[in-house]
Structures are given as C-alpha cells and as structure tokens.
Amino acid sequence: MARGWESKSIEAQIEENNSTSANQGDHRAVSQGEVHSKIRKNNLLLSRKRILQQLESSTSERYSEQLRRSLAELDAQLKATSD
C-alpha cells in the first residue's frame, strides 16, 4: 500500500498544529519519535476507515472475511500503539 501522500499530509498537519501552538505560547518540543508515532497511528486509523467502508460495500463473503481479519489486525496494532 502506498502511504507517501498520507504521510506527507499528516506531517503537514502536525507541523501546522505545532506552529499554531507556538503562536499561542504553548510550544513544546516534539521529538521525532513522537511525530513518527502519530503518523503511524493516523495511517492505521485511515486504513481502518477504508477497510470498514470496503466491508460495508462488499458482496462477497470470502472478501468480507478477509476484510474482517485485516480489521482485527489493524485493531491489534492500534491497541499496541496506544499502550
């Protein structure tokens, strides 16, 4: 799955949020690890949303089962990132 445009978009949103916070005097240093963690979590959430949309429109039971397994894996990864 190509994620280049998603990562760039999320990075831009994070940078915009950081610049807004800096203008309000509530600036704190964000480590590169935190930025990557947020990007990963946002990518997982976007993937989850896409799979849910595909699951709603799926007419094939075999494909739906594959989507449910993918959804379970994404949920496990999301849980691991939030811990």
C-alpha atoms as a PDB file:
ATOM      1  CA  MET A   1       0.000   0.000   0.000  1.00  0.00           C
ATOM      2  CA  ALA A   2       1.389   3.378  -0.977  1.00  0.00           C
ATOM      3  CA  ARG A   3       1.499   5.706   2.000  1.00  0.00           C
ATOM      4  CA  GLY A   4       3.691   8.512   0.753  1.00  0.00           C
ATOM      5  CA  TRP A   5       0.949  11.070   0.234  1.00  0.00           C
ATOM      6  CA  GLU A   6      -0.725  10.147   3.537  1.00  0.00           C
ATOM      7  CA  SER A   7       2.493  10.626   5.490  1.00  0.00           C
ATOM      8  CA  LYS A   8       3.197  13.973   3.865  1.00  0.00           C
ATOM      9  CA  SER A   9      -0.314  15.170   4.569  1.00  0.00           C
ATOM     10  CA  ILE A  10      -0.149  14.083   8.194  1.00  0.00           C
ATOM     11  CA  GLU A  11       3.287  15.624   8.649  1.00  0.00           C
ATOM     12  CA  ALA A  12       1.935  18.893   7.269  1.00  0.00           C
ATOM     13  CA  GLN A  13      -0.987  18.754   9.698  1.00  0.00           C
ATOM     14  CA  ILE A  14       1.337  18.071  12.634  1.00  0.00           C
ATOM     15  CA  GLU A  15       3.651  20.912  11.629  1.00  0.00           C
ATOM     16  CA  GLU A  16       0.672  23.249  11.260  1.00  0.00           C
ATOM     17  CA  ASN A  17      -0.577  22.233  14.680  1.00  0.00           C
ATOM     18  CA  ASN A  18       2.857  22.800  16.170  1.00  0.00           C
ATOM     19  CA  SER A  19       3.158  26.238  14.581  1.00  0.00           C
ATOM     20  CA  THR A  20      -0.296  27.176  15.886  1.00  0.00           C
ATOM     21  CA  SER A  21       0.712  26.079  19.378  1.00  0.00           C
ATOM     22  CA  ALA A  22       3.933  28.079  19.095  1.00  0.00           C
ATOM     23  CA  ASN A  23       1.974  31.185  18.211  1.00  0.00           C
ATOM     24  CA  GLN A  24      -0.193  30.718  21.281  1.00  0.00           C
ATOM     25  CA  GLY A  25       2.825  30.445  23.593  1.00  0.00           C
ATOM     26  CA  ASP A  26       2.119  26.779  24.339  1.00  0.00           C
ATOM     27  CA  HIS A  27       5.085  25.430  22.421  1.00  0.00           C
ATOM     28  CA  ARG A  28       6.812  22.252  23.483  1.00  0.00           C
ATOM     29  CA  ALA A  29       9.483  20.307  21.709  1.00  0.00           C
ATOM     30  CA  VAL A  30       8.121  17.288  19.873  1.00  0.00           C
ATOM     31  CA  SER A  31      10.599  14.514  19.366  1.00  0.00           C
ATOM     32  CA  GLN A  32      10.984  12.779  16.044  1.00  0.00           C
ATOM     33  CA  GLY A  33       9.774   9.566  17.675  1.00  0.00           C
ATOM     34  CA  GLU A  34       6.531  11.240  18.754  1.00  0.00           C
ATOM     35  CA  VAL A  35       5.952  12.562  15.252  1.00  0.00           C
ATOM     36  CA  HIS A  36       6.515   9.121  13.725  1.00  0.00           C
ATOM     37  CA  SER A  37       4.252   7.544  16.330  1.00  0.00           C
ATOM     38  CA  LYS A  38       1.457   9.985  15.484  1.00  0.00           C
ATOM     39  CA  ILE A  39       1.951   9.395  11.771  1.00  0.00           C
ATOM     40  CA  ARG A  40       1.793   5.622  12.248  1.00  0.00           C
ATOM     41  CA  LYS A  41      -1.349   5.853  14.364  1.00  0.00           C
ATOM     42  CA  ASN A  42      -3.036   8.154  11.834  1.00  0.00           C
ATOM     43  CA  ASN A  43      -2.095   5.790   8.989  1.00  0.00           C
ATOM     44  CA  LEU A  44      -3.591   2.877  10.910  1.00  0.00           C
ATOM     45  CA  LEU A  45      -6.785   4.847  11.552  1.00  0.00           C
ATOM     46  CA  LEU A  46      -7.072   5.785   7.882  1.00  0.00           C
ATOM     47  CA  SER A  47      -6.545   2.157   6.850  1.00  0.00           C
ATOM     48  CA  ARG A  48      -9.169   1.045   9.358  1.00  0.00           C
ATOM     49  CA  LYS A  49     -11.667   3.541   7.992  1.00  0.00           C
ATOM     50  CA  ARG A  50     -11.010   2.392   4.417  1.00  0.00           C
ATOM     51  CA  ILE A  51     -11.461  -1.276   5.360  1.00  0.00           C
ATOM     52  CA  LEU A  52     -14.741  -0.509   7.140  1.00  0.00           C
ATOM     53  CA  GLN A  53     -16.018   1.252   4.020  1.00  0.00           C
ATOM     54  CA  GLN A  54     -14.994  -1.701   1.853  1.00  0.00           C
ATOM     55  CA  LEU A  55     -16.624  -4.127   4.289  1.00  0.00           C
ATOM     56  CA  GLU A  56     -19.921  -2.229   4.098  1.00  0.00           C
ATOM     57  CA  SER A  57     -19.979  -2.414   0.306  1.00  0.00           C
ATOM     58  CA  SER A  58     -18.655  -5.966  -0.062  1.00  0.00           C
ATOM     59  CA  THR A  59     -20.951  -8.562  -1.573  1.00  0.00           C
ATOM     60  CA  SER A  60     -18.513 -11.489  -1.434  1.00  0.00           C
ATOM     61  CA  GLU A  61     -18.454 -13.431   1.825  1.00  0.00           C
ATOM     62  CA  ARG A  62     -14.855 -14.566   1.228  1.00  0.00           C
ATOM     63  CA  TYR A  63     -13.703 -10.984   0.680  1.00  0.00           C
ATOM     64  CA  SER A  64     -15.685  -9.812   3.713  1.00  0.00           C
ATOM     65  CA  GLU A  65     -13.958 -12.421   5.857  1.00  0.00           C
ATOM     66  CA  GLN A  66     -10.562 -11.253   4.619  1.00  0.00           C
ATOM     67  CA  LEU A  67     -11.522  -7.665   5.453  1.00  0.00           C
ATOM     68  CA  ARG A  68     -12.636  -8.696   8.953  1.00  0.00           C
ATOM     69  CA  ARG A  69      -9.265 -10.382   9.545  1.00  0.00           C
ATOM     70  CA  SER A  70      -7.483  -7.254   8.306  1.00  0.00           C
ATOM     71  CA  LEU A  71      -9.636  -5.131  10.585  1.00  0.00           C
ATOM     72  CA  ALA A  72      -8.774  -7.317  13.575  1.00  0.00           C
ATOM     73  CA  GLU A  73      -5.057  -6.978  12.769  1.00  0.00           C
ATOM     74  CA  LEU A  74      -5.336  -3.195  12.498  1.00  0.00           C
ATOM     75  CA  ASP A  75      -7.202  -3.057  15.804  1.00  0.00           C
ATOM     76  CA  ALA A  76      -4.409  -5.072  17.438  1.00  0.00           C
ATOM     77  CA  GLN A  77      -1.792  -2.714  16.009  1.00  0.00           C
ATOM     78  CA  LEU A  78      -3.757   0.325  17.183  1.00  0.00           C
ATOM     79  CA  LYS A  79      -4.019  -1.140  20.671  1.00  0.00           C
ATOM     80  CA  ALA A  80      -0.260  -1.748  20.691  1.00  0.00           C
ATOM     81  CA  THR A  81       0.474   1.849  19.663  1.00  0.00           C
ATOM     82  CA  SER A  82      -1.798   3.295  22.346  1.00  0.00           C
ATOM     83  CA  ASP A  83      -0.181   1.283  25.157  1.00  0.00           C
END
